[in-house]
Amino acid sequence: MTGRRMGKGERIESDSFRIIEAGMQGRFDGQHLPIVMRVIHATGDFQFEEILQFHPGAIESGIRAVRAGKDIFVDVRMVEAGINKKALSRFGGSVVCHISDDDVEKAALQREMTRAECAVEKAFINNGSDVNIGIVAIGNAPTALIRLMEIIDSGMAPPELIAGVPVGFVKAEESKAALAKQDYPFITCLGKKGGSPVAAAIINAIVRLAGQ
């Protein structure tokens, strides 16, 4: 019996990953490698092999959260759009994004905060013990990452994994440097680079690993 014939898109993706692996410096192996490769695939940028940072327990914790059916909180719709929700749903999890909620927009105006900050508060403070969020993926809003770390510092148990990779020039670099110093599971990238495609790529790679 012959194996399933790959479609054209699958062949292109397979060729892309072969090219990526051949162009890498060999800094990562094991379960780290597919995550780094998928980020490079999403961005076309080999520098991510140099700037991605992993907490020692990050991947194991993320896989455990996916397999337990935990939800994934994201900061913006672009991250939500990039996550393979069909693959995630097989484990019972879903993607949570509050950035466009009416009450979040209203709170942001009233309190002179960013919508991303208020969205984090809605997920982790206002929803209280009902929250089923196990993973946080932040690709755009450093203020969301900063607020989340503040909430954790105030006594909230951290989620199983924080993939904090906001892109930009204002607080992005600082927020990721702060995350890289934490003792709870994280994946981040140092410097100004990052973005929604990076956050989604990390999550998709972890979901794939959870299915293996």
N, C-alpha and C. Protein backbone atom coordinates (compact mmCIF):
# COMPACT_ATOMS: atom_id res chain seq x y z
N MET A 1 0.86 -1.19 0.00
CA MET A 1 0.00 0.00 0.00
C MET A 1 0.90 1.24 0.00
N THR A 2 0.59 2.15 -0.86
CA THR A 2 1.37 3.40 -0.91
C THR A 2 0.83 4.41 0.07
N GLY A 3 1.69 5.36 0.48
CA GLY A 3 1.27 6.40 1.40
C GLY A 3 0.38 7.43 0.72
N ARG A 4 -0.25 8.27 1.53
CA ARG A 4 -1.12 9.31 0.99
C ARG A 4 -0.32 10.29 0.15
N ARG A 5 -0.84 10.63 -1.00
CA ARG A 5 -0.16 11.57 -1.88
C ARG A 5 -0.33 12.99 -1.35
N MET A 6 0.77 13.71 -1.22
CA MET A 6 0.69 15.08 -0.72
C MET A 6 0.15 16.01 -1.80
N GLY A 7 -0.65 16.99 -1.37
CA GLY A 7 -1.10 18.03 -2.27
C GLY A 7 0.01 19.02 -2.55
N LYS A 8 -0.23 19.93 -3.50
CA LYS A 8 0.80 20.88 -3.89
C LYS A 8 1.20 21.78 -2.72
N GLY A 9 0.21 22.23 -1.95
CA GLY A 9 0.51 23.09 -0.80
C GLY A 9 1.35 22.38 0.24
N GLU A 10 1.04 21.10 0.48
CA GLU A 10 1.82 20.33 1.44
C GLU A 10 3.25 20.13 0.96
N ARG A 11 3.42 19.92 -0.35
CA ARG A 11 4.77 19.75 -0.89
C ARG A 11 5.59 21.03 -0.73
N ILE A 12 4.93 22.16 -0.98
CA ILE A 12 5.62 23.45 -0.82
C ILE A 12 6.04 23.65 0.63
N GLU A 13 5.13 23.35 1.56
CA GLU A 13 5.46 23.50 2.98
C GLU A 13 6.59 22.57 3.38
N SER A 14 6.54 21.32 2.88
CA SER A 14 7.59 20.37 3.20
C SER A 14 8.94 20.85 2.66
N ASP A 15 8.95 21.35 1.44
CA ASP A 15 10.18 21.89 0.86
C ASP A 15 10.69 23.08 1.68
N SER A 16 9.76 23.93 2.12
CA SER A 16 10.14 25.10 2.90
C SER A 16 10.84 24.70 4.19
N PHE A 17 10.30 23.69 4.87
CA PHE A 17 10.90 23.28 6.13
C PHE A 17 12.26 22.62 5.92
N ARG A 18 12.44 21.94 4.81
CA ARG A 18 13.76 21.38 4.52
C ARG A 18 14.78 22.51 4.30
N ILE A 19 14.37 23.55 3.59
CA ILE A 19 15.25 24.69 3.36
C ILE A 19 15.57 25.39 4.67
N ILE A 20 14.55 25.56 5.51
CA ILE A 20 14.75 26.22 6.80
C ILE A 20 15.74 25.45 7.66
N GLU A 21 15.52 24.14 7.78
CA GLU A 21 16.40 23.34 8.64
C GLU A 21 17.84 23.37 8.13
N ALA A 22 18.00 23.36 6.80
CA ALA A 22 19.35 23.40 6.24
C ALA A 22 20.04 24.73 6.49
N GLY A 23 19.25 25.80 6.66
CA GLY A 23 19.82 27.13 6.86
C GLY A 23 20.02 27.51 8.31
N MET A 24 19.62 26.64 9.24
CA MET A 24 19.73 26.96 10.65
C MET A 24 21.13 26.64 11.19
N GLN A 25 21.43 27.22 12.34
CA GLN A 25 22.76 27.10 12.93
C GLN A 25 22.89 25.91 13.89
N GLY A 26 21.78 25.23 14.17
CA GLY A 26 21.83 24.08 15.05
C GLY A 26 21.75 24.41 16.53
N ARG A 27 21.21 25.57 16.87
CA ARG A 27 21.12 25.96 18.28
C ARG A 27 20.03 25.17 19.02
N PHE A 28 19.05 24.65 18.29
CA PHE A 28 17.92 23.99 18.93
C PHE A 28 17.75 22.58 18.39
N ASP A 29 17.22 21.69 19.25
CA ASP A 29 16.87 20.35 18.82
C ASP A 29 15.67 19.89 19.62
N GLY A 30 15.32 18.64 19.49
CA GLY A 30 14.19 18.10 20.24
C GLY A 30 12.90 18.85 19.95
N GLN A 31 12.11 19.07 20.98
CA GLN A 31 10.82 19.73 20.80
C GLN A 31 10.94 21.23 20.55
N HIS A 32 12.10 21.80 20.85
CA HIS A 32 12.30 23.21 20.55
C HIS A 32 12.39 23.46 19.04
N LEU A 33 12.98 22.52 18.33
CA LEU A 33 13.26 22.72 16.91
C LEU A 33 12.01 23.00 16.08
N PRO A 34 10.92 22.21 16.19
CA PRO A 34 9.76 22.50 15.35
C PRO A 34 9.11 23.85 15.66
N ILE A 35 9.25 24.31 16.90
CA ILE A 35 8.69 25.62 17.23
C ILE A 35 9.50 26.72 16.55
N VAL A 36 10.82 26.64 16.66
CA VAL A 36 11.67 27.65 16.03
C VAL A 36 11.51 27.61 14.52
N MET A 37 11.44 26.43 13.94
CA MET A 37 11.27 26.32 12.50
C MET A 37 9.95 26.90 12.03
N ARG A 38 8.90 26.69 12.79
CA ARG A 38 7.59 27.22 12.39
C ARG A 38 7.57 28.74 12.50
N VAL A 39 8.27 29.30 13.46
CA VAL A 39 8.36 30.76 13.56
C VAL A 39 9.14 31.31 12.36
N ILE A 40 10.23 30.68 12.01
CA ILE A 40 10.99 31.12 10.84
C ILE A 40 10.15 31.00 9.58
N HIS A 41 9.38 29.93 9.48
CA HIS A 41 8.51 29.73 8.32
C HIS A 41 7.46 30.83 8.22
N ALA A 42 6.95 31.27 9.37
CA ALA A 42 5.91 32.29 9.38
C ALA A 42 6.44 33.68 9.08
N THR A 43 7.72 33.90 9.33
CA THR A 43 8.30 35.24 9.22
C THR A 43 9.33 35.38 8.09
N GLY A 44 9.90 34.26 7.66
CA GLY A 44 10.99 34.33 6.69
C GLY A 44 12.27 34.89 7.27
N ASP A 45 12.40 34.83 8.59
CA ASP A 45 13.50 35.50 9.28
C ASP A 45 14.28 34.49 10.13
N PHE A 46 15.50 34.18 9.68
CA PHE A 46 16.34 33.22 10.41
C PHE A 46 16.86 33.77 11.73
N GLN A 47 16.75 35.08 11.95
CA GLN A 47 17.27 35.64 13.19
C GLN A 47 16.50 35.13 14.41
N PHE A 48 15.30 34.62 14.19
CA PHE A 48 14.54 34.12 15.33
C PHE A 48 15.23 32.94 16.00
N GLU A 49 16.10 32.25 15.29
CA GLU A 49 16.86 31.19 15.94
C GLU A 49 17.77 31.76 17.02
N GLU A 50 18.18 33.00 16.85
CA GLU A 50 19.07 33.65 17.81
C GLU A 50 18.32 34.33 18.95
N ILE A 51 17.11 34.82 18.69
CA ILE A 51 16.44 35.66 19.69
C ILE A 51 15.32 34.97 20.45
N LEU A 52 14.88 33.79 20.00
CA LEU A 52 13.85 33.09 20.75
C LEU A 52 14.42 32.56 22.06
N GLN A 53 13.63 32.71 23.13
CA GLN A 53 14.03 32.29 24.47
C GLN A 53 12.95 31.38 25.05
N PHE A 54 13.37 30.28 25.65
CA PHE A 54 12.44 29.30 26.22
C PHE A 54 12.72 29.08 27.70
N HIS A 55 11.69 29.18 28.52
CA HIS A 55 11.78 28.68 29.89
C HIS A 55 11.97 27.16 29.81
N PRO A 56 12.75 26.55 30.71
CA PRO A 56 13.00 25.11 30.62
C PRO A 56 11.74 24.24 30.59
N GLY A 57 10.68 24.69 31.25
CA GLY A 57 9.47 23.87 31.28
C GLY A 57 8.38 24.34 30.33
N ALA A 58 8.71 25.25 29.42
CA ALA A 58 7.69 25.89 28.60
C ALA A 58 6.94 24.91 27.70
N ILE A 59 7.66 24.12 26.95
CA ILE A 59 7.01 23.26 25.97
C ILE A 59 6.18 22.18 26.65
N GLU A 60 6.76 21.54 27.64
CA GLU A 60 6.03 20.49 28.36
C GLU A 60 4.76 21.06 28.99
N SER A 61 4.85 22.24 29.56
CA SER A 61 3.69 22.86 30.20
C SER A 61 2.63 23.23 29.17
N GLY A 62 3.07 23.75 28.03
CA GLY A 62 2.13 24.11 26.98
C GLY A 62 1.41 22.90 26.42
N ILE A 63 2.14 21.82 26.18
CA ILE A 63 1.53 20.59 25.68
C ILE A 63 0.51 20.06 26.68
N ARG A 64 0.87 20.10 27.95
CA ARG A 64 -0.03 19.61 28.99
C ARG A 64 -1.33 20.43 29.02
N ALA A 65 -1.21 21.75 28.85
CA ALA A 65 -2.40 22.61 28.85
C ALA A 65 -3.30 22.31 27.65
N VAL A 66 -2.70 22.12 26.48
CA VAL A 66 -3.50 21.81 25.28
C VAL A 66 -4.23 20.49 25.47
N ARG A 67 -3.51 19.47 25.92
CA ARG A 67 -4.11 18.15 26.09
C ARG A 67 -5.20 18.14 27.15
N ALA A 68 -5.13 19.08 28.10
CA ALA A 68 -6.14 19.17 29.16
C ALA A 68 -7.38 19.95 28.69
N GLY A 69 -7.37 20.42 27.45
CA GLY A 69 -8.53 21.15 26.93
C GLY A 69 -8.61 22.59 27.39
N LYS A 70 -7.47 23.15 27.78
CA LYS A 70 -7.45 24.54 28.22
C LYS A 70 -7.61 25.49 27.04
N ASP A 71 -8.20 26.65 27.32
CA ASP A 71 -8.38 27.68 26.31
C ASP A 71 -7.10 28.51 26.16
N ILE A 72 -7.03 29.22 25.05
CA ILE A 72 -5.88 30.08 24.77
C ILE A 72 -6.36 31.52 24.67
N PHE A 73 -5.84 32.38 25.53
CA PHE A 73 -6.17 33.81 25.48
C PHE A 73 -5.18 34.50 24.54
N VAL A 74 -5.69 35.32 23.63
CA VAL A 74 -4.83 36.08 22.71
C VAL A 74 -5.15 37.56 22.85
N ASP A 75 -4.16 38.38 22.50
CA ASP A 75 -4.34 39.82 22.69
C ASP A 75 -5.10 40.48 21.55
N VAL A 76 -4.96 39.97 20.33
CA VAL A 76 -5.60 40.63 19.18
C VAL A 76 -6.18 39.59 18.24
N ARG A 77 -7.07 40.05 17.36
CA ARG A 77 -7.75 39.16 16.42
C ARG A 77 -6.78 38.53 15.43
N MET A 78 -5.68 39.21 15.12
CA MET A 78 -4.73 38.65 14.17
C MET A 78 -4.10 37.37 14.70
N VAL A 79 -3.83 37.31 15.99
CA VAL A 79 -3.32 36.07 16.58
C VAL A 79 -4.40 35.00 16.54
N GLU A 80 -5.61 35.39 16.88
CA GLU A 80 -6.74 34.45 16.84
C GLU A 80 -6.90 33.85 15.45
N ALA A 81 -6.81 34.70 14.43
CA ALA A 81 -7.00 34.24 13.05
C ALA A 81 -5.92 33.26 12.62
N GLY A 82 -4.71 33.42 13.18
CA GLY A 82 -3.60 32.58 12.76
C GLY A 82 -3.53 31.23 13.44
N ILE A 83 -4.28 31.04 14.51
CA ILE A 83 -4.23 29.77 15.24
C ILE A 83 -5.13 28.73 14.57
N ASN A 84 -4.64 27.52 14.46
CA ASN A 84 -5.41 26.42 13.89
C ASN A 84 -6.44 25.95 14.91
N LYS A 85 -7.61 26.56 14.86
CA LYS A 85 -8.63 26.30 15.87
C LYS A 85 -9.24 24.90 15.73
N LYS A 86 -9.24 24.38 14.51
CA LYS A 86 -9.76 23.02 14.31
C LYS A 86 -8.88 22.01 15.04
N ALA A 87 -7.56 22.17 14.90
CA ALA A 87 -6.64 21.27 15.60
C ALA A 87 -6.77 21.41 17.11
N LEU A 88 -6.91 22.65 17.58
CA LEU A 88 -7.05 22.89 19.02
C LEU A 88 -8.34 22.30 19.56
N SER A 89 -9.42 22.40 18.79
CA SER A 89 -10.73 21.95 19.25
C SER A 89 -10.78 20.44 19.47
N ARG A 90 -9.89 19.70 18.84
CA ARG A 90 -9.86 18.25 19.05
C ARG A 90 -9.55 17.90 20.50
N PHE A 91 -8.88 18.81 21.18
CA PHE A 91 -8.56 18.59 22.59
C PHE A 91 -9.60 19.22 23.52
N GLY A 92 -10.54 19.99 22.95
CA GLY A 92 -11.58 20.63 23.74
C GLY A 92 -11.34 22.09 24.04
N GLY A 93 -10.21 22.63 23.59
CA GLY A 93 -9.89 24.03 23.86
C GLY A 93 -10.40 24.96 22.78
N SER A 94 -10.45 26.24 23.11
CA SER A 94 -10.86 27.27 22.16
C SER A 94 -9.99 28.50 22.36
N VAL A 95 -10.15 29.48 21.47
CA VAL A 95 -9.38 30.71 21.54
C VAL A 95 -10.26 31.81 22.10
N VAL A 96 -9.73 32.57 23.06
CA VAL A 96 -10.45 33.65 23.72
C VAL A 96 -9.79 34.97 23.37
N CYS A 97 -10.57 35.91 22.85
CA CYS A 97 -10.06 37.24 22.53
C CYS A 97 -11.12 38.28 22.90
N HIS A 98 -10.78 39.20 23.79
CA HIS A 98 -11.73 40.20 24.27
C HIS A 98 -11.46 41.60 23.73
N ILE A 99 -10.50 41.74 22.82
CA ILE A 99 -10.03 43.07 22.42
C ILE A 99 -11.13 43.94 21.82
N SER A 100 -12.14 43.30 21.19
CA SER A 100 -13.20 44.07 20.53
C SER A 100 -14.51 44.07 21.31
N ASP A 101 -14.49 43.52 22.52
CA ASP A 101 -15.72 43.49 23.32
C ASP A 101 -16.14 44.91 23.69
N ASP A 102 -17.44 45.16 23.69
CA ASP A 102 -17.95 46.51 23.99
C ASP A 102 -17.54 46.98 25.37
N ASP A 103 -17.62 46.09 26.36
CA ASP A 103 -17.27 46.50 27.72
C ASP A 103 -15.78 46.79 27.87
N VAL A 104 -14.97 46.12 27.08
CA VAL A 104 -13.53 46.38 27.10
C VAL A 104 -13.23 47.74 26.49
N GLU A 105 -13.86 48.04 25.37
CA GLU A 105 -13.66 49.35 24.74
C GLU A 105 -14.12 50.48 25.67
N LYS A 106 -15.25 50.28 26.33
CA LYS A 106 -15.77 51.29 27.24
C LYS A 106 -14.84 51.50 28.44
N ALA A 107 -14.35 50.41 29.02
CA ALA A 107 -13.45 50.50 30.16
C ALA A 107 -12.15 51.19 29.78
N ALA A 108 -11.65 50.91 28.59
CA ALA A 108 -10.40 51.52 28.16
C ALA A 108 -10.53 53.03 28.05
N LEU A 109 -11.64 53.50 27.53
CA LEU A 109 -11.87 54.94 27.41
C LEU A 109 -12.03 55.58 28.78
N GLN A 110 -12.81 54.95 29.64
CA GLN A 110 -13.09 55.51 30.96
C GLN A 110 -11.83 55.56 31.84
N ARG A 111 -11.00 54.56 31.74
CA ARG A 111 -9.84 54.43 32.63
C ARG A 111 -8.53 54.89 31.99
N GLU A 112 -8.62 55.34 30.75
CA GLU A 112 -7.43 55.79 30.00
C GLU A 112 -6.36 54.71 29.98
N MET A 113 -6.79 53.51 29.63
CA MET A 113 -5.92 52.36 29.47
C MET A 113 -6.04 51.86 28.03
N THR A 114 -5.14 50.98 27.63
CA THR A 114 -5.30 50.36 26.32
C THR A 114 -6.37 49.28 26.39
N ARG A 115 -6.99 49.02 25.25
CA ARG A 115 -7.98 47.94 25.21
C ARG A 115 -7.33 46.60 25.55
N ALA A 116 -6.07 46.43 25.16
CA ALA A 116 -5.38 45.18 25.46
C ALA A 116 -5.23 44.96 26.96
N GLU A 117 -4.93 46.02 27.71
CA GLU A 117 -4.84 45.91 29.16
C GLU A 117 -6.18 45.51 29.76
N CYS A 118 -7.23 46.18 29.30
CA CYS A 118 -8.57 45.89 29.83
C CYS A 118 -9.03 44.49 29.44
N ALA A 119 -8.62 44.02 28.27
CA ALA A 119 -8.97 42.67 27.85
C ALA A 119 -8.32 41.63 28.76
N VAL A 120 -7.08 41.87 29.16
CA VAL A 120 -6.40 40.98 30.09
C VAL A 120 -7.12 40.97 31.43
N GLU A 121 -7.51 42.14 31.90
CA GLU A 121 -8.24 42.21 33.17
C GLU A 121 -9.56 41.47 33.10
N LYS A 122 -10.26 41.59 31.97
CA LYS A 122 -11.54 40.89 31.83
C LYS A 122 -11.33 39.39 31.91
N ALA A 123 -10.27 38.90 31.29
CA ALA A 123 -10.01 37.46 31.27
C ALA A 123 -9.57 36.92 32.61
N PHE A 124 -8.71 37.68 33.31
CA PHE A 124 -8.05 37.11 34.48
C PHE A 124 -8.49 37.69 35.83
N ILE A 125 -9.22 38.79 35.79
CA ILE A 125 -9.72 39.36 37.04
C ILE A 125 -11.24 39.29 37.09
N ASN A 126 -11.89 39.85 36.09
CA ASN A 126 -13.35 39.94 36.11
C ASN A 126 -14.03 38.59 36.00
N ASN A 127 -13.42 37.65 35.29
CA ASN A 127 -14.02 36.33 35.13
C ASN A 127 -13.72 35.40 36.31
N GLY A 128 -12.79 35.80 37.14
CA GLY A 128 -12.53 35.06 38.38
C GLY A 128 -12.19 33.60 38.17
N SER A 129 -12.75 32.74 39.00
CA SER A 129 -12.39 31.32 38.99
C SER A 129 -13.02 30.55 37.84
N ASP A 130 -13.89 31.20 37.06
CA ASP A 130 -14.53 30.51 35.95
C ASP A 130 -13.63 30.38 34.73
N VAL A 131 -12.51 31.06 34.75
CA VAL A 131 -11.65 31.09 33.58
C VAL A 131 -11.00 29.73 33.35
N ASN A 132 -10.99 29.30 32.08
CA ASN A 132 -10.39 28.02 31.70
C ASN A 132 -9.13 28.25 30.87
N ILE A 133 -8.54 29.42 30.99
CA ILE A 133 -7.40 29.76 30.16
C ILE A 133 -6.14 29.09 30.70
N GLY A 134 -5.44 28.38 29.82
CA GLY A 134 -4.20 27.73 30.22
C GLY A 134 -2.98 28.31 29.55
N ILE A 135 -3.19 28.95 28.39
CA ILE A 135 -2.09 29.52 27.63
C ILE A 135 -2.45 30.94 27.23
N VAL A 136 -1.47 31.82 27.28
CA VAL A 136 -1.64 33.20 26.80
C VAL A 136 -0.68 33.41 25.63
N ALA A 137 -1.18 33.97 24.54
CA ALA A 137 -0.35 34.28 23.37
C ALA A 137 -0.51 35.75 23.04
N ILE A 138 0.56 36.51 23.22
CA ILE A 138 0.54 37.96 22.98
C ILE A 138 1.52 38.28 21.87
N GLY A 139 1.00 38.80 20.76
CA GLY A 139 1.85 39.09 19.62
C GLY A 139 1.92 40.54 19.22
N ASN A 140 1.04 41.36 19.79
CA ASN A 140 0.95 42.73 19.33
C ASN A 140 1.07 43.77 20.44
N ALA A 141 0.52 43.48 21.60
CA ALA A 141 0.34 44.51 22.63
C ALA A 141 1.24 44.29 23.84
N PRO A 142 2.35 45.02 23.92
CA PRO A 142 3.21 44.89 25.11
C PRO A 142 2.49 45.29 26.38
N THR A 143 1.53 46.21 26.29
CA THR A 143 0.79 46.60 27.49
C THR A 143 0.00 45.43 28.06
N ALA A 144 -0.46 44.54 27.19
CA ALA A 144 -1.17 43.34 27.67
C ALA A 144 -0.22 42.42 28.42
N LEU A 145 0.97 42.26 27.91
CA LEU A 145 1.95 41.41 28.58
C LEU A 145 2.37 42.00 29.91
N ILE A 146 2.60 43.30 29.95
CA ILE A 146 2.97 43.96 31.20
C ILE A 146 1.86 43.82 32.24
N ARG A 147 0.61 44.06 31.82
CA ARG A 147 -0.52 43.97 32.76
C ARG A 147 -0.67 42.55 33.27
N LEU A 148 -0.50 41.57 32.42
CA LEU A 148 -0.60 40.17 32.86
C LEU A 148 0.45 39.86 33.91
N MET A 149 1.67 40.29 33.70
CA MET A 149 2.72 40.04 34.68
C MET A 149 2.42 40.76 35.99
N GLU A 150 1.83 41.94 35.92
CA GLU A 150 1.44 42.66 37.14
C GLU A 150 0.39 41.87 37.91
N ILE A 151 -0.58 41.32 37.21
CA ILE A 151 -1.64 40.55 37.86
C ILE A 151 -1.05 39.30 38.52
N ILE A 152 -0.12 38.65 37.85
CA ILE A 152 0.54 37.49 38.43
C ILE A 152 1.34 37.90 39.66
N ASP A 153 2.03 39.03 39.57
CA ASP A 153 2.82 39.51 40.72
C ASP A 153 1.94 39.82 41.92
N SER A 154 0.68 40.17 41.66
CA SER A 154 -0.24 40.50 42.76
C SER A 154 -0.80 39.26 43.45
N GLY A 155 -0.50 38.08 42.91
CA GLY A 155 -0.91 36.87 43.60
C GLY A 155 -1.65 35.84 42.78
N MET A 156 -2.01 36.15 41.53
CA MET A 156 -2.70 35.18 40.70
C MET A 156 -1.74 34.10 40.23
N ALA A 157 -2.20 32.86 40.23
CA ALA A 157 -1.37 31.78 39.69
C ALA A 157 -1.17 32.00 38.20
N PRO A 158 0.04 31.87 37.71
CA PRO A 158 0.27 32.12 36.29
C PRO A 158 -0.37 31.05 35.42
N PRO A 159 -0.70 31.37 34.18
CA PRO A 159 -1.17 30.33 33.26
C PRO A 159 -0.06 29.33 33.01
N GLU A 160 -0.42 28.20 32.43
CA GLU A 160 0.57 27.15 32.20
C GLU A 160 1.70 27.61 31.27
N LEU A 161 1.38 28.52 30.34
CA LEU A 161 2.39 29.02 29.42
C LEU A 161 2.03 30.42 28.96
N ILE A 162 3.02 31.30 28.90
CA ILE A 162 2.86 32.61 28.29
C ILE A 162 3.79 32.68 27.09
N ALA A 163 3.20 32.81 25.91
CA ALA A 163 3.97 33.07 24.69
C ALA A 163 3.87 34.57 24.44
N GLY A 164 4.86 35.29 24.94
CA GLY A 164 4.83 36.75 24.89
C GLY A 164 5.84 37.26 23.88
N VAL A 165 5.35 37.65 22.70
CA VAL A 165 6.25 38.07 21.62
C VAL A 165 5.75 39.35 20.95
N PRO A 166 5.34 40.37 21.71
CA PRO A 166 4.84 41.59 21.07
C PRO A 166 5.92 42.29 20.25
N VAL A 167 5.50 42.82 19.12
CA VAL A 167 6.42 43.52 18.22
C VAL A 167 6.29 45.02 18.44
N GLY A 168 7.36 45.76 18.20
CA GLY A 168 7.20 47.21 18.24
C GLY A 168 8.36 47.94 18.88
N PHE A 169 8.14 49.26 19.06
CA PHE A 169 9.20 50.16 19.50
C PHE A 169 8.92 50.79 20.86
N VAL A 170 7.69 50.67 21.36
CA VAL A 170 7.32 51.26 22.64
C VAL A 170 6.94 50.13 23.60
N LYS A 171 7.78 49.86 24.55
CA LYS A 171 7.59 48.89 25.62
C LYS A 171 7.66 47.43 25.18
N ALA A 172 7.75 47.18 23.88
CA ALA A 172 7.79 45.79 23.42
C ALA A 172 9.05 45.09 23.90
N GLU A 173 10.20 45.71 23.64
CA GLU A 173 11.47 45.12 24.03
C GLU A 173 11.55 44.95 25.54
N GLU A 174 11.10 45.97 26.28
CA GLU A 174 11.17 45.93 27.74
C GLU A 174 10.25 44.85 28.32
N SER A 175 9.06 44.72 27.74
CA SER A 175 8.11 43.74 28.27
C SER A 175 8.63 42.32 28.09
N LYS A 176 9.28 42.06 26.96
CA LYS A 176 9.80 40.72 26.70
C LYS A 176 11.03 40.43 27.56
N ALA A 177 11.85 41.45 27.78
CA ALA A 177 13.00 41.26 28.67
C ALA A 177 12.54 40.93 30.08
N ALA A 178 11.45 41.57 30.52
CA ALA A 178 10.91 41.27 31.85
C ALA A 178 10.35 39.86 31.91
N LEU A 179 9.66 39.43 30.85
CA LEU A 179 9.13 38.07 30.82
C LEU A 179 10.24 37.04 30.88
N ALA A 180 11.34 37.31 30.20
CA ALA A 180 12.45 36.36 30.14
C ALA A 180 13.10 36.14 31.50
N LYS A 181 12.82 37.00 32.48
CA LYS A 181 13.38 36.87 33.82
C LYS A 181 12.46 36.11 34.78
N GLN A 182 11.26 35.76 34.32
CA GLN A 182 10.30 35.13 35.22
C GLN A 182 10.61 33.65 35.41
N ASP A 183 10.10 33.09 36.51
CA ASP A 183 10.36 31.68 36.79
C ASP A 183 9.19 30.79 36.42
N TYR A 184 8.14 31.37 35.80
CA TYR A 184 7.03 30.55 35.30
C TYR A 184 7.22 30.34 33.79
N PRO A 185 6.59 29.30 33.22
CA PRO A 185 6.86 28.93 31.83
C PRO A 185 6.52 30.04 30.83
N PHE A 186 7.46 30.33 29.97
CA PHE A 186 7.29 31.36 28.94
C PHE A 186 8.06 30.97 27.68
N ILE A 187 7.62 31.56 26.57
CA ILE A 187 8.39 31.60 25.33
C ILE A 187 8.37 33.05 24.87
N THR A 188 9.53 33.61 24.58
CA THR A 188 9.58 34.99 24.14
C THR A 188 10.71 35.16 23.14
N CYS A 189 10.84 36.37 22.62
CA CYS A 189 11.95 36.69 21.72
C CYS A 189 12.48 38.06 22.13
N LEU A 190 13.77 38.16 22.23
CA LEU A 190 14.39 39.40 22.69
C LEU A 190 14.46 40.42 21.55
N GLY A 191 14.42 41.69 21.92
CA GLY A 191 14.50 42.74 20.92
C GLY A 191 13.14 43.24 20.48
N LYS A 192 13.13 43.94 19.37
CA LYS A 192 11.91 44.58 18.88
C LYS A 192 11.05 43.67 18.01
N LYS A 193 11.65 42.61 17.47
CA LYS A 193 10.90 41.74 16.57
C LYS A 193 9.89 40.89 17.33
N GLY A 194 8.93 40.36 16.58
CA GLY A 194 7.87 39.55 17.15
C GLY A 194 6.66 39.68 16.26
N GLY A 195 5.48 39.69 16.86
CA GLY A 195 4.28 39.94 16.10
C GLY A 195 3.27 38.81 16.16
N SER A 196 2.10 39.09 15.64
CA SER A 196 1.00 38.12 15.65
C SER A 196 1.35 36.82 14.93
N PRO A 197 2.02 36.87 13.76
CA PRO A 197 2.39 35.61 13.10
C PRO A 197 3.32 34.75 13.96
N VAL A 198 4.19 35.38 14.73
CA VAL A 198 5.09 34.64 15.61
C VAL A 198 4.31 33.97 16.73
N ALA A 199 3.41 34.71 17.35
CA ALA A 199 2.59 34.15 18.43
C ALA A 199 1.77 32.98 17.94
N ALA A 200 1.12 33.14 16.79
CA ALA A 200 0.29 32.07 16.24
C ALA A 200 1.14 30.86 15.86
N ALA A 201 2.32 31.09 15.30
CA ALA A 201 3.19 29.98 14.92
C ALA A 201 3.62 29.17 16.13
N ILE A 202 3.93 29.84 17.23
CA ILE A 202 4.32 29.14 18.46
C ILE A 202 3.19 28.25 18.94
N ILE A 203 1.99 28.80 18.99
CA ILE A 203 0.84 28.03 19.46
C ILE A 203 0.55 26.85 18.54
N ASN A 204 0.57 27.08 17.24
CA ASN A 204 0.30 25.99 16.30
C ASN A 204 1.33 24.87 16.44
N ALA A 205 2.58 25.23 16.68
CA ALA A 205 3.61 24.21 16.85
C ALA A 205 3.37 23.40 18.12
N ILE A 206 2.94 24.06 19.17
CA ILE A 206 2.67 23.34 20.43
C ILE A 206 1.46 22.44 20.28
N VAL A 207 0.43 22.91 19.58
CA VAL A 207 -0.74 22.07 19.35
C VAL A 207 -0.36 20.83 18.54
N ARG A 208 0.50 21.01 17.55
CA ARG A 208 0.99 19.86 16.77
C ARG A 208 1.74 18.88 17.66
N LEU A 209 2.59 19.39 18.52
CA LEU A 209 3.34 18.51 19.43
C LEU A 209 2.40 17.78 20.38
N ALA A 210 1.34 18.45 20.81
CA ALA A 210 0.37 17.82 21.70
C ALA A 210 -0.34 16.65 21.04
N GLY A 211 -0.45 16.71 19.72
CA GLY A 211 -1.12 15.66 18.99
C GLY A 211 -0.25 14.47 18.63
N GLN A 212 1.04 14.58 18.92
CA GLN A 212 1.96 13.50 18.57
C GLN A 212 2.03 12.44 19.67
